[in-house]
Amino acid sequence: MAMICALCVVKKPLLRFSYLSNGVLGLAVLSGGFNFLELLFALSIGLHLWLAFSQNKWTMLTLSCCSALVFTVCLAAHLLLELPLYLIVLASIVLAISGYFDDEELVAEADDAAHINHFMEPAPLLNLPDIKQLRQGYYDWRKNNQQRAALVVIRLEGFAQVNQHIGRDFGDLLLAQSANRIKQLLLIEEVINLAGEQKLAHLGGLNFAFICNLAQQKHLHEQLINQILGATLKPFNVANCTIKVNARASFVDCDEQENSFDNLISFAYLALDSHPKQQVVVYHQQMRIEQLEQQARLKELANIDFSSELELYFQPIICNHDEKIEFLELLLRWQHPRQGILSANRFIDDIRVAGLAYPLATFVIERAAELAMALRMEGITMPLSINLFGSEMLNEEFIEFLDHIFIEHQLQAGDLIVECPLNLFMSLDEQGKAMVARINSIGIKVCVDGLGDSPIWLAKLPNLAVAYVKIAPSLTADFSHQSHVRSLISGMVDMHNQQNAKVICEGVETLEQLNFVKSLNAYAAQGYYYSHPLSSVGMISWLKQWQIEHP
C-alpha cells in the first residue's frame, strides 16, 4: 500500500519503476523468504539511491540512505542473530516514504512565489495610505491648521488594454511605476503627510489622491497636477514594451466646499465623471446641482408619457442655389413641468441611462411618419428628417419596425431621412454597413450629422455612402478667423460633392455666414437666419406661407 501511494505521487518513469520493483521484491520476501531475494533487494535499493542522487532530490536521497541503512542492519541481524528475513521489508517501507517528498515541486512553487513577488514587491500600492488614512490625515491637519487647502484626485486610464494585451501582472507593475512617479513629485512640505512620510493615498482601483496646502502658493495644486500629468505621459518600459498611460485629475477647494471629507471625495469623483473628456476638472457647486437635476429627471422619465409630454419641433434646411426647402428636420422637445421646454441635448443622455432609447426612437419614427402622411394629404411633398442616437438603428428589430411603418403609413421613398452622429459611421463593422444598406433599400435616406464635432479619419469619409452630410456649426461659426481651415472645409465639401452626398452647413445665423457657406460650394444651409425651431402643430400652415413668400 505504501508503494502504491508513492506511485501516485511520483511522476518520473524511472522512479516509478524503482518503487514498483521494490514493492514487488518486498512482497516476494514476505511470501517466499528465498535467500537470493535479499541480493535483488540490495540491487534495487542501490538503483534507487543512484536515481535519487542523479535527480538531485536531497530529501528523497536522505530517506533512501536511511532505507539502505535499515536494510543493512536487518540483513546483518538475520545473518548473525538469525532474526527473520522479512524484517528487511522495513527498508522497503522507508523507501516508499521518500516518494512523498518531491523537491522539484517545492522548487517550482518557490519559483512561482518569487515570480509573483517580482511583480508585487516593487508595487508601492500595498504600502500607500488608503482612504481611511487619508481621511484621518485630513482631519488631523485641520485640527491645527485653518489654512486653505485643496483635495486632488488623480485617475489613471488605459490599463484595460494593458491587462488585455500583456497580462494583469504587467499591468500591476505599470500601475506601481505610475504611482512611484507621482510620489516623487509630491516630496514637498506643502503636500500634507498622511502616514509617516507618505503623502499619496490609494483610493482603490486606478484612483489616487493627495491634499495640498495652499497657504504659501495659491495655485500650487494646479502646478503639481500639470507635473503629474506630464510625468505619466512619459512612456513606460514594461516587459520589453514601451507603453503610454493617460491620466485625468480633479480638485476640490476644501474651504469653499463642505468640510466633510467624504463630501470632498464625492465632489472630486463627481467632477471627473461629469466631464469624461476633460483632462483637468475643477469642481464647482453647479455640478452638484446638475447631478440632482439629472436624478430628478430620471425619476420623472420613469413615468413619462411620450405622447403628452414630448413634442416634435421643426427647422428647415434651405438650398443655397434657389432658396427652396430641401427638407425639414424634426427636433425633439420635452415639455417639462418645472423647467419649461427642454431641447433634446438636455435630456438625451438621461433617456439612455433610463433605458428608453429604443422606445423613444420608435415614438419619434411613428410621429414623423404621421406628419409625412398629413403633408401628403395636403398635397405637400416635403421630406422629414429625424435624429437617432445611432446604436439603436443597427439591429434587426429596428429595421423591421421601419419597414412596417413605411407600409402602414403608405410612405414613399425619400419621405423620411435618418440623421445619425458621425462617430457611429466611424466605427461601422460589416454588419453595421449591411444595416445602413437595408435602411437605404427601404427608401429612407441617411444623413451624417456633426461633421467637425469629434475627431475623424479622413480616409473613411469617402466610404460613407449617405445622401447628406452636415457640417457642424463649430467649423463655420467664426468664419472671419478661419482662413487657416477654409481650404480643409472646402476640400471636404468637394470630396462629398464628388461622392454625390449633399453637404449642409449648420448654425447659419447671419447673412455674412450664409455668404461664407455659399462660397464653400455647400449644397444647403440651416440655422436661425432662416427660422428658429417651431412647433410641428403649425407645420402645414408655415409651409404654405413659405411657398407663398418664395414662389
Protein backbone atom coordinates (compact mmCIF):
# COMPACT_ATOMS: atom_id res chain seq x y z
CA MET A 1 0.00 0.00 0.00
CA ALA A 2 2.85 2.39 0.76
CA MET A 3 4.37 1.70 -2.67
CA ILE A 4 1.01 2.29 -4.41
CA CYS A 5 0.70 5.68 -2.69
CA ALA A 6 4.25 6.55 -3.72
CA LEU A 7 3.47 5.63 -7.34
CA CYS A 8 0.51 8.05 -7.29
CA VAL A 9 2.78 10.91 -6.20
CA VAL A 10 5.90 10.34 -8.30
CA LYS A 11 5.79 11.41 -11.97
CA LYS A 12 9.20 10.30 -13.34
CA PRO A 13 9.02 6.89 -15.14
CA LEU A 14 12.37 5.55 -13.80
CA LEU A 15 11.45 6.42 -10.22
CA ARG A 16 8.05 4.82 -10.65
CA PHE A 17 9.77 1.65 -11.93
CA SER A 18 12.14 1.71 -8.95
CA TYR A 19 9.29 1.98 -6.44
CA LEU A 20 7.36 -0.75 -8.25
CA SER A 21 10.32 -3.17 -8.26
CA ASN A 22 10.99 -2.50 -4.56
CA GLY A 23 7.35 -3.14 -3.73
CA VAL A 24 7.28 -6.41 -5.70
CA LEU A 25 10.51 -7.61 -4.07
CA GLY A 26 9.16 -6.71 -0.65
CA LEU A 27 6.03 -8.77 -1.26
CA ALA A 28 8.21 -11.65 -2.58
CA VAL A 29 10.30 -11.62 0.62
CA LEU A 30 7.14 -11.67 2.74
CA SER A 31 5.61 -14.54 0.79
CA GLY A 32 8.65 -16.74 -0.01
CA GLY A 33 11.68 -15.87 2.07
CA PHE A 34 14.16 -17.15 -0.55
CA ASN A 35 17.80 -16.33 0.16
CA PHE A 36 18.55 -14.87 -3.30
CA LEU A 37 15.84 -12.23 -2.81
CA GLU A 38 17.95 -10.15 -0.41
CA LEU A 39 20.55 -9.77 -3.19
CA LEU A 40 17.93 -8.48 -5.63
CA PHE A 41 16.53 -6.24 -2.91
CA ALA A 42 20.00 -4.78 -2.28
CA LEU A 43 20.45 -4.12 -6.02
CA SER A 44 17.02 -2.46 -6.14
CA ILE A 45 17.85 -0.14 -3.22
CA GLY A 46 21.20 0.70 -4.82
CA LEU A 47 19.45 1.58 -8.08
CA HIS A 48 17.05 3.83 -6.21
CA LEU A 49 19.95 5.57 -4.43
CA TRP A 50 21.54 6.27 -7.81
CA LEU A 51 18.30 7.64 -9.25
CA ALA A 52 17.70 9.87 -6.22
CA PHE A 53 21.23 11.23 -6.44
CA SER A 54 21.01 11.85 -10.21
CA GLN A 55 17.67 13.64 -9.79
CA ASN A 56 19.24 15.99 -7.22
CA LYS A 57 16.37 15.33 -4.81
CA TRP A 58 18.01 15.67 -1.44
CA THR A 59 15.07 14.77 0.77
CA MET A 60 14.45 11.64 -1.27
CA LEU A 61 18.18 10.82 -1.21
CA THR A 62 18.32 11.16 2.60
CA LEU A 63 15.37 8.84 3.13
CA SER A 64 16.76 6.39 0.56
CA CYS A 65 20.05 6.28 2.52
CA CYS A 66 18.05 5.60 5.67
CA SER A 67 16.29 2.79 3.81
CA ALA A 68 19.66 1.31 2.79
CA LEU A 69 20.83 1.56 6.42
CA VAL A 70 17.70 -0.22 7.66
CA PHE A 71 18.22 -2.94 5.05
CA THR A 72 21.87 -3.40 6.09
CA VAL A 73 21.02 -3.61 9.81
CA CYS A 74 18.12 -6.04 9.28
CA LEU A 75 20.16 -8.25 6.91
CA ALA A 76 23.07 -8.34 9.39
CA ALA A 77 20.67 -9.25 12.19
CA HIS A 78 19.30 -12.05 10.02
CA LEU A 79 22.73 -13.45 9.22
CA LEU A 80 24.31 -13.05 12.67
CA LEU A 81 21.40 -13.34 15.05
CA GLU A 82 19.13 -15.44 12.84
CA LEU A 83 16.30 -12.90 13.02
CA PRO A 84 13.51 -13.39 10.44
CA LEU A 85 14.34 -12.28 6.90
CA TYR A 86 11.05 -10.48 6.41
CA LEU A 87 12.32 -7.65 8.66
CA ILE A 88 14.23 -6.27 5.67
CA VAL A 89 10.82 -5.24 4.27
CA LEU A 90 11.02 -2.33 6.74
CA ALA A 91 13.60 -0.87 4.38
CA SER A 92 11.04 -1.00 1.58
CA ILE A 93 8.53 0.96 3.69
CA VAL A 94 11.12 3.67 4.46
CA LEU A 95 11.92 3.79 0.76
CA ALA A 96 8.24 4.30 -0.10
CA ILE A 97 8.05 7.25 2.32
CA SER A 98 10.74 9.05 0.30
CA GLY A 99 8.37 9.26 -2.64
CA TYR A 100 6.18 11.80 -0.84
CA PHE A 101 8.95 14.42 -0.82
CA ASP A 102 9.39 15.85 -4.32
CA ASP A 103 11.93 18.66 -4.08
CA GLU A 104 11.31 19.71 -7.68
CA GLU A 105 7.74 20.67 -6.88
CA LEU A 106 8.89 22.63 -3.87
CA VAL A 107 11.44 24.46 -6.01
CA ALA A 108 8.79 25.16 -8.64
CA GLU A 109 6.45 26.54 -6.01
CA ALA A 110 9.27 28.71 -4.67
CA ASP A 111 9.98 29.93 -8.21
CA ASP A 112 6.29 30.75 -8.73
CA ALA A 113 6.20 32.64 -5.47
CA ALA A 114 9.34 34.52 -6.47
CA HIS A 115 7.77 35.26 -9.86
CA ILE A 116 4.68 36.69 -8.22
CA ASN A 117 6.72 38.64 -5.72
CA HIS A 118 8.74 40.02 -8.62
CA PHE A 119 5.64 41.95 -9.63
CA MET A 120 4.20 42.61 -6.23
CA GLU A 121 7.32 43.57 -4.35
CA PRO A 122 8.07 46.83 -6.17
CA ALA A 123 4.42 47.86 -6.04
CA PRO A 124 4.08 50.67 -3.51
CA LEU A 125 0.30 50.34 -3.59
CA LEU A 126 0.34 47.94 -0.65
CA ASN A 127 2.25 50.48 1.43
CA LEU A 128 0.31 53.55 0.36
CA PRO A 129 -2.25 55.01 2.77
CA ASP A 130 -5.84 54.09 1.98
CA ILE A 131 -8.92 56.30 2.07
CA LYS A 132 -9.31 55.86 5.84
CA GLN A 133 -5.78 57.11 6.48
CA LEU A 134 -6.35 59.95 4.02
CA ARG A 135 -9.49 60.94 5.93
CA GLN A 136 -7.69 60.79 9.28
CA GLY A 137 -4.72 62.74 7.91
CA TYR A 138 -7.05 65.45 6.66
CA TYR A 139 -8.86 65.78 10.00
CA ASP A 140 -5.59 65.76 11.97
CA TRP A 141 -4.21 68.52 9.79
CA ARG A 142 -7.42 70.52 10.11
CA LYS A 143 -7.22 70.49 13.90
CA ASN A 144 -4.03 72.54 13.89
CA ASN A 145 -4.43 74.43 10.61
CA GLN A 146 -7.19 76.57 9.21
CA GLN A 147 -5.29 77.42 6.07
CA ARG A 148 -6.62 76.98 2.58
CA ALA A 149 -6.14 73.51 1.05
CA ALA A 150 -7.20 71.52 -1.99
CA LEU A 151 -8.01 67.83 -2.37
CA VAL A 152 -6.65 66.44 -5.64
CA VAL A 153 -7.78 63.13 -7.15
CA ILE A 154 -5.72 61.53 -9.93
CA ARG A 155 -7.30 58.86 -12.14
CA LEU A 156 -5.08 56.74 -14.40
CA GLU A 157 -6.57 55.42 -17.64
CA GLY A 158 -5.67 52.93 -20.35
CA PHE A 159 -4.95 49.92 -18.12
CA ALA A 160 -7.75 47.78 -19.56
CA GLN A 161 -5.84 47.39 -22.82
CA VAL A 162 -2.58 46.79 -20.97
CA ASN A 163 -4.12 43.98 -18.90
CA GLN A 164 -5.72 42.51 -22.01
CA HIS A 165 -2.64 42.51 -24.22
CA ILE A 166 0.32 41.85 -21.92
CA GLY A 167 -1.33 40.48 -18.77
CA ARG A 168 -2.57 41.61 -15.39
CA ASP A 169 0.82 41.15 -13.70
CA PHE A 170 2.47 43.63 -16.03
CA GLY A 171 -0.50 45.96 -15.61
CA ASP A 172 0.05 45.93 -11.84
CA LEU A 173 3.73 46.61 -12.36
CA LEU A 174 2.89 49.53 -14.63
CA LEU A 175 0.46 50.87 -12.04
CA ALA A 176 3.20 50.65 -9.42
CA GLN A 177 5.63 52.57 -11.62
CA SER A 178 2.99 55.24 -12.26
CA ALA A 179 2.37 55.60 -8.54
CA ASN A 180 6.11 55.93 -7.95
CA ARG A 181 6.34 58.75 -10.45
CA ILE A 182 3.51 60.58 -8.74
CA LYS A 183 5.08 60.06 -5.30
CA GLN A 184 8.37 61.58 -6.42
CA LEU A 185 6.60 64.80 -7.40
CA LEU A 186 4.90 65.18 -4.02
CA LEU A 187 8.02 65.25 -1.87
CA ILE A 188 7.49 68.84 -0.79
CA GLU A 189 6.44 70.30 2.53
CA GLU A 190 3.19 71.78 1.19
CA VAL A 191 1.73 68.31 0.50
CA ILE A 192 0.23 67.03 3.75
CA ASN A 193 1.70 63.90 5.37
CA LEU A 194 -0.80 61.08 5.81
CA ALA A 195 1.01 58.12 7.37
CA GLY A 196 4.57 58.73 8.43
CA GLU A 197 6.28 60.31 5.43
CA GLN A 198 3.67 59.10 2.94
CA LYS A 199 1.83 61.81 1.02
CA LEU A 200 -0.04 59.93 -1.73
CA ALA A 201 -3.11 57.81 -0.92
CA HIS A 202 -4.52 54.97 -2.99
CA LEU A 203 -8.31 55.21 -3.10
CA GLY A 204 -8.70 51.88 -4.85
CA GLY A 205 -8.54 50.83 -8.47
CA LEU A 206 -6.83 53.48 -10.57
CA ASN A 207 -7.63 56.42 -8.27
CA PHE A 208 -5.09 58.27 -6.12
CA ALA A 209 -5.36 61.39 -4.00
CA PHE A 210 -3.34 63.91 -2.01
CA ILE A 211 -4.03 67.11 -0.07
CA CYS A 212 -2.13 70.27 -0.89
CA ASN A 213 -1.66 73.21 1.48
CA LEU A 214 -2.23 76.44 -0.46
CA ALA A 215 -1.20 78.90 2.24
CA GLN A 216 2.04 79.89 0.50
CA GLN A 217 1.20 79.30 -3.15
CA LYS A 218 -2.34 79.79 -4.30
CA HIS A 219 -2.07 77.65 -7.43
CA LEU A 220 0.41 75.05 -6.21
CA HIS A 221 -2.07 72.19 -6.68
CA GLU A 222 -2.54 73.13 -10.33
CA GLN A 223 1.22 73.15 -10.87
CA LEU A 224 1.53 69.72 -9.26
CA ILE A 225 -1.30 68.38 -11.42
CA ASN A 226 0.43 69.59 -14.58
CA GLN A 227 3.69 67.97 -13.47
CA ILE A 228 1.92 64.69 -12.67
CA LEU A 229 0.10 64.60 -15.99
CA GLY A 230 3.34 65.32 -17.79
CA ALA A 231 5.17 62.59 -15.88
CA THR A 232 2.53 59.94 -16.57
CA LEU A 233 2.62 60.73 -20.28
CA LYS A 234 6.27 59.70 -20.47
CA PRO A 235 6.49 56.16 -21.88
CA PHE A 236 6.99 53.20 -19.53
CA ASN A 237 9.20 50.24 -20.36
CA VAL A 238 7.39 47.10 -19.18
CA ALA A 239 8.08 43.56 -20.41
CA ASN A 240 10.28 44.96 -23.19
CA CYS A 241 7.32 47.02 -24.40
CA THR A 242 7.01 50.79 -24.49
CA ILE A 243 3.62 51.78 -23.05
CA LYS A 244 1.94 55.12 -22.53
CA VAL A 245 -0.53 55.85 -19.73
CA ASN A 246 -3.11 58.63 -19.64
CA ALA A 247 -4.20 60.45 -16.52
CA ARG A 248 -7.00 62.79 -15.55
CA ALA A 249 -7.36 64.92 -12.44
CA SER A 250 -9.94 66.85 -10.48
CA PHE A 251 -9.57 69.06 -7.43
CA VAL A 252 -11.85 70.49 -4.78
CA ASP A 253 -11.22 73.59 -2.70
CA CYS A 254 -11.54 72.33 0.87
CA ASP A 255 -12.54 75.76 2.20
CA GLU A 256 -15.12 76.73 -0.39
CA GLN A 257 -16.92 73.40 -0.12
CA GLU A 258 -18.25 71.48 2.86
CA ASN A 259 -15.65 70.44 5.40
CA SER A 260 -16.81 66.82 5.48
CA PHE A 261 -14.06 64.71 3.96
CA ASP A 262 -16.49 62.21 2.43
CA ASN A 263 -18.26 65.07 0.66
CA LEU A 264 -14.94 66.32 -0.71
CA ILE A 265 -14.14 62.88 -2.13
CA SER A 266 -17.59 62.53 -3.68
CA PHE A 267 -17.29 66.01 -5.21
CA ALA A 268 -13.92 65.13 -6.76
CA TYR A 269 -15.34 61.92 -8.24
CA LEU A 270 -18.38 63.82 -9.49
CA ALA A 271 -16.16 66.31 -11.31
CA LEU A 272 -14.26 63.50 -13.04
CA ASP A 273 -17.43 61.65 -14.05
CA SER A 274 -19.25 64.79 -15.20
CA HIS A 275 -16.60 65.71 -17.78
CA PRO A 276 -15.04 62.44 -19.02
CA LYS A 277 -13.31 64.15 -21.96
CA GLN A 278 -11.69 66.90 -19.89
CA GLN A 279 -8.20 66.24 -18.53
CA VAL A 280 -8.34 68.58 -15.51
CA VAL A 281 -11.70 69.34 -13.92
CA VAL A 282 -12.39 71.88 -11.20
CA TYR A 283 -15.36 71.05 -9.01
CA HIS A 284 -17.99 73.73 -8.61
CA GLN A 285 -21.41 73.78 -6.99
CA GLN A 286 -23.21 73.74 -10.34
CA MET A 287 -22.06 70.15 -10.87
CA ARG A 288 -23.89 69.06 -7.76
CA ILE A 289 -26.98 70.97 -8.87
CA GLU A 290 -26.82 69.32 -12.29
CA GLN A 291 -26.44 65.91 -10.68
CA LEU A 292 -29.51 66.46 -8.51
CA GLU A 293 -31.42 67.70 -11.55
CA GLN A 294 -30.42 64.61 -13.50
CA GLN A 295 -31.54 62.33 -10.67
CA ALA A 296 -34.86 64.16 -10.58
CA ARG A 297 -35.22 63.83 -14.37
CA LEU A 298 -34.51 60.11 -14.19
CA LYS A 299 -37.33 59.71 -11.67
CA GLU A 300 -39.63 61.70 -13.94
CA LEU A 301 -38.59 59.75 -17.02
CA ALA A 302 -39.53 56.53 -15.26
CA ASN A 303 -43.18 57.60 -15.56
CA ILE A 304 -43.03 59.80 -18.66
CA ASP A 305 -45.86 59.72 -21.20
CA PHE A 306 -44.28 60.27 -24.61
CA SER A 307 -47.48 61.28 -26.36
CA SER A 308 -48.43 64.02 -23.89
CA GLU A 309 -45.04 65.32 -22.71
CA LEU A 310 -42.83 65.05 -25.79
CA GLU A 311 -43.32 67.15 -28.91
CA LEU A 312 -41.57 67.47 -32.27
CA TYR A 313 -40.43 70.87 -33.47
CA PHE A 314 -39.12 71.53 -36.98
CA GLN A 315 -36.44 73.63 -38.66
CA PRO A 316 -35.98 73.97 -42.44
CA ILE A 317 -32.89 73.15 -44.49
CA ILE A 318 -32.68 75.66 -47.36
CA CYS A 319 -30.90 75.06 -50.67
CA ASN A 320 -28.23 77.66 -51.38
CA HIS A 321 -28.83 77.94 -55.13
CA ASP A 322 -32.60 78.50 -55.23
CA GLU A 323 -33.65 79.01 -51.56
CA LYS A 324 -36.13 76.16 -51.72
CA ILE A 325 -36.67 73.85 -48.76
CA GLU A 326 -34.70 70.63 -49.16
CA PHE A 327 -36.32 69.00 -46.11
CA LEU A 328 -37.49 69.74 -42.56
CA GLU A 329 -35.53 68.48 -39.59
CA LEU A 330 -37.70 67.32 -36.69
CA LEU A 331 -36.30 68.25 -33.28
CA LEU A 332 -37.42 66.59 -30.06
CA ARG A 333 -38.59 68.76 -27.16
CA TRP A 334 -39.76 67.86 -23.65
CA GLN A 335 -42.49 69.94 -22.11
CA HIS A 336 -41.01 69.74 -18.61
CA PRO A 337 -43.49 70.60 -15.84
CA ARG A 338 -41.00 72.83 -13.97
CA GLN A 339 -38.10 73.67 -16.28
CA GLY A 340 -40.16 74.51 -19.35
CA ILE A 341 -39.31 73.34 -22.86
CA LEU A 342 -36.08 71.31 -22.89
CA SER A 343 -34.15 70.58 -26.07
CA ALA A 344 -33.05 67.01 -26.73
CA ASN A 345 -29.41 67.62 -25.78
CA ARG A 346 -30.58 68.42 -22.23
CA PHE A 347 -32.12 65.02 -21.56
CA ILE A 348 -30.99 62.62 -24.28
CA ASP A 349 -28.27 61.12 -22.06
CA ASP A 350 -30.85 60.64 -19.32
CA ILE A 351 -33.06 58.81 -21.80
CA ARG A 352 -30.28 56.34 -22.50
CA VAL A 353 -29.47 55.89 -18.80
CA ALA A 354 -33.16 55.20 -18.13
CA GLY A 355 -33.20 52.52 -20.86
CA LEU A 356 -35.73 54.40 -23.00
CA ALA A 357 -33.60 54.94 -26.12
CA TYR A 358 -35.33 52.33 -28.25
CA PRO A 359 -38.94 53.19 -27.20
CA LEU A 360 -38.18 56.87 -27.81
CA ALA A 361 -36.75 56.13 -31.26
CA THR A 362 -39.86 54.18 -32.26
CA PHE A 363 -42.09 57.01 -30.94
CA VAL A 364 -40.24 59.63 -32.98
CA ILE A 365 -40.30 57.46 -36.13
CA GLU A 366 -44.04 56.87 -35.84
CA ARG A 367 -44.80 60.54 -35.14
CA ALA A 368 -42.66 61.60 -38.12
CA ALA A 369 -44.50 59.11 -40.35
CA GLU A 370 -47.84 60.59 -39.26
CA LEU A 371 -46.62 64.10 -40.11
CA ALA A 372 -45.33 62.96 -43.51
CA MET A 373 -48.67 61.34 -44.29
CA ALA A 374 -50.52 64.52 -43.19
CA LEU A 375 -48.34 66.63 -45.52
CA ARG A 376 -49.03 64.29 -48.44
CA MET A 377 -52.76 64.53 -47.79
CA GLU A 378 -52.41 68.33 -48.09
CA GLY A 379 -50.65 67.91 -51.40
CA ILE A 380 -47.27 68.91 -49.98
CA THR A 381 -44.28 66.77 -50.86
CA MET A 382 -41.73 67.53 -48.17
CA PRO A 383 -39.16 65.06 -46.72
CA LEU A 384 -38.79 65.00 -42.93
CA SER A 385 -35.60 64.09 -41.07
CA ILE A 386 -35.35 62.59 -37.60
CA ASN A 387 -32.38 62.32 -35.25
CA LEU A 388 -31.40 58.97 -33.82
CA PHE A 389 -28.83 58.19 -31.14
CA GLY A 390 -27.13 55.83 -33.56
CA SER A 391 -26.75 52.46 -31.91
CA GLU A 392 -30.46 51.60 -31.84
CA MET A 393 -30.67 51.65 -35.63
CA LEU A 394 -28.14 48.85 -36.04
CA ASN A 395 -30.37 45.94 -35.07
CA GLU A 396 -32.82 43.71 -36.87
CA GLU A 397 -35.82 44.67 -34.77
CA PHE A 398 -35.47 48.38 -35.53
CA ILE A 399 -35.09 47.82 -39.29
CA GLU A 400 -38.22 45.67 -39.31
CA PHE A 401 -40.07 48.40 -37.41
CA LEU A 402 -39.04 50.97 -40.03
CA ASP A 403 -40.27 48.71 -42.81
CA HIS A 404 -43.59 48.22 -41.01
CA ILE A 405 -44.05 51.98 -40.50
CA PHE A 406 -43.36 52.67 -44.19
CA ILE A 407 -46.04 50.21 -45.27
CA GLU A 408 -48.57 51.18 -42.62
CA HIS A 409 -48.42 54.93 -43.42
CA GLN A 410 -48.07 54.40 -47.19
CA LEU A 411 -44.86 56.40 -47.34
CA GLN A 412 -42.81 56.74 -50.48
CA ALA A 413 -39.07 56.61 -50.96
CA GLY A 414 -37.45 59.81 -49.72
CA ASP A 415 -40.26 60.83 -47.36
CA LEU A 416 -38.08 60.17 -44.30
CA ILE A 417 -34.42 60.93 -43.64
CA VAL A 418 -32.48 59.46 -40.72
CA GLU A 419 -29.74 61.62 -39.16
CA CYS A 420 -27.05 59.79 -37.19
CA PRO A 421 -23.94 61.10 -35.40
CA LEU A 422 -20.63 60.91 -37.21
CA ASN A 423 -18.94 58.70 -34.59
CA LEU A 424 -21.39 55.91 -35.46
CA PHE A 425 -20.16 55.81 -39.05
CA MET A 426 -16.53 55.98 -37.99
CA SER A 427 -16.83 52.61 -36.21
CA LEU A 428 -19.15 50.69 -38.54
CA ASP A 429 -18.41 46.99 -38.93
CA GLU A 430 -19.66 44.80 -41.77
CA GLN A 431 -22.95 44.11 -40.00
CA GLY A 432 -23.47 47.84 -39.38
CA LYS A 433 -22.81 48.62 -43.04
CA ALA A 434 -25.36 45.98 -44.02
CA MET A 435 -27.95 47.60 -41.72
CA VAL A 436 -27.35 51.03 -43.29
CA ALA A 437 -27.77 49.45 -46.73
CA ARG A 438 -31.08 47.95 -45.62
CA ILE A 439 -32.29 51.35 -44.43
CA ASN A 440 -31.47 52.75 -47.86
CA SER A 441 -33.28 49.86 -49.52
CA ILE A 442 -36.47 50.64 -47.57
CA GLY A 443 -36.45 54.12 -49.09
CA ILE A 444 -35.07 56.09 -46.14
CA LYS A 445 -32.15 58.40 -46.86
CA VAL A 446 -29.28 58.62 -44.38
CA CYS A 447 -27.60 61.82 -43.20
CA VAL A 448 -24.30 62.10 -41.28
CA ASP A 449 -24.69 64.68 -38.51
CA GLY A 450 -21.98 66.63 -36.71
CA LEU A 451 -19.02 66.54 -39.09
CA GLY A 452 -16.44 68.52 -37.11
CA ASP A 453 -17.76 67.92 -33.58
CA SER A 454 -15.44 64.96 -32.96
CA PRO A 455 -12.14 63.64 -34.37
CA ILE A 456 -12.50 61.92 -37.73
CA TRP A 457 -10.47 59.69 -40.00
CA LEU A 458 -10.42 61.45 -43.34
CA ALA A 459 -9.66 58.17 -45.08
CA LYS A 460 -13.09 56.87 -44.05
CA LEU A 461 -15.08 59.89 -45.23
CA PRO A 462 -15.25 58.89 -48.92
CA ASN A 463 -16.65 55.49 -47.88
CA LEU A 464 -19.76 56.97 -46.26
CA ALA A 465 -22.50 56.02 -48.73
CA VAL A 466 -25.04 58.58 -47.47
CA ALA A 467 -27.36 61.15 -49.06
CA TYR A 468 -26.48 64.13 -46.83
CA VAL A 469 -23.56 65.27 -44.70
CA LYS A 470 -23.96 68.04 -42.11
CA ILE A 471 -21.01 70.23 -41.15
CA ALA A 472 -21.14 71.29 -37.50
CA PRO A 473 -21.54 74.98 -36.62
CA SER A 474 -18.11 74.98 -34.94
CA LEU A 475 -16.39 74.86 -38.36
CA THR A 476 -18.26 77.79 -39.86
CA ALA A 477 -19.16 79.92 -36.82
CA ASP A 478 -16.28 82.41 -36.76
CA PHE A 479 -15.57 82.38 -40.48
CA SER A 480 -13.62 85.66 -40.36
CA HIS A 481 -10.78 83.93 -38.48
CA GLN A 482 -10.98 80.58 -40.23
CA SER A 483 -8.80 81.22 -43.26
CA HIS A 484 -6.41 78.55 -41.97
CA VAL A 485 -9.14 75.87 -42.15
CA ARG A 486 -11.09 77.22 -45.10
CA SER A 487 -9.16 75.07 -47.56
CA LEU A 488 -9.78 71.99 -45.37
CA ILE A 489 -13.55 72.60 -45.17
CA SER A 490 -13.72 73.40 -48.86
CA GLY A 491 -11.84 70.18 -49.65
CA MET A 492 -14.24 68.14 -47.52
CA VAL A 493 -17.23 69.73 -49.28
CA ASP A 494 -15.76 69.00 -52.72
CA MET A 495 -14.99 65.42 -51.73
CA HIS A 496 -18.57 64.75 -50.69
CA ASN A 497 -19.92 66.52 -53.74
CA GLN A 498 -17.94 64.07 -55.85
CA GLN A 499 -19.48 61.23 -53.83
CA ASN A 500 -22.98 62.59 -54.64
CA ALA A 501 -23.57 63.47 -50.97
CA LYS A 502 -25.20 66.85 -50.42
CA VAL A 503 -23.34 68.97 -47.86
CA ILE A 504 -25.37 71.06 -45.39
CA CYS A 505 -23.80 73.72 -43.13
CA GLU A 506 -25.49 74.10 -39.75
CA GLY A 507 -25.59 77.12 -37.45
CA VAL A 508 -26.03 79.83 -40.08
CA GLU A 509 -27.29 82.91 -38.21
CA THR A 510 -26.25 85.92 -40.32
CA LEU A 511 -26.07 86.90 -43.98
CA GLU A 512 -22.28 87.00 -43.76
CA GLN A 513 -22.22 83.40 -42.57
CA LEU A 514 -24.57 82.40 -45.38
CA ASN A 515 -22.31 84.01 -47.97
CA PHE A 516 -19.32 82.21 -46.48
CA VAL A 517 -21.18 78.88 -46.66
CA LYS A 518 -22.14 79.52 -50.28
CA SER A 519 -18.52 80.31 -51.11
CA LEU A 520 -17.62 76.81 -49.90
CA ASN A 521 -19.91 75.37 -52.57
CA ALA A 522 -22.11 73.75 -49.91
CA TYR A 523 -25.49 72.49 -51.10
CA ALA A 524 -27.71 73.87 -48.32
CA ALA A 525 -27.73 75.74 -45.02
CA GLN A 526 -29.64 75.52 -41.75
CA GLY A 527 -29.88 77.97 -38.86
CA TYR A 528 -31.61 80.87 -37.16
CA TYR A 529 -31.05 83.05 -40.23
CA TYR A 530 -33.97 81.25 -41.85
CA SER A 531 -36.03 80.15 -38.87
CA HIS A 532 -35.93 79.16 -35.21
CA PRO A 533 -37.30 75.72 -34.34
CA LEU A 534 -41.11 75.84 -34.48
CA SER A 535 -43.79 73.52 -33.16
CA SER A 536 -44.90 70.86 -35.64
CA VAL A 537 -48.51 71.71 -34.76
CA GLY A 538 -48.30 74.65 -37.18
CA MET A 539 -46.06 72.98 -39.76
CA ILE A 540 -48.57 72.84 -42.60
CA SER A 541 -49.56 76.50 -42.22
CA TRP A 542 -45.92 77.57 -42.07
CA LEU A 543 -45.05 75.63 -45.21
CA LYS A 544 -47.95 77.12 -47.15
CA GLN A 545 -46.90 80.63 -46.06
CA TRP A 546 -43.28 79.91 -47.09
CA GLN A 547 -44.40 78.75 -50.52
CA ILE A 548 -46.35 81.96 -50.97
CA GLU A 549 -43.37 84.12 -49.97
CA HIS A 550 -40.88 82.04 -52.02
CA PRO A 551 -42.69 81.08 -55.22
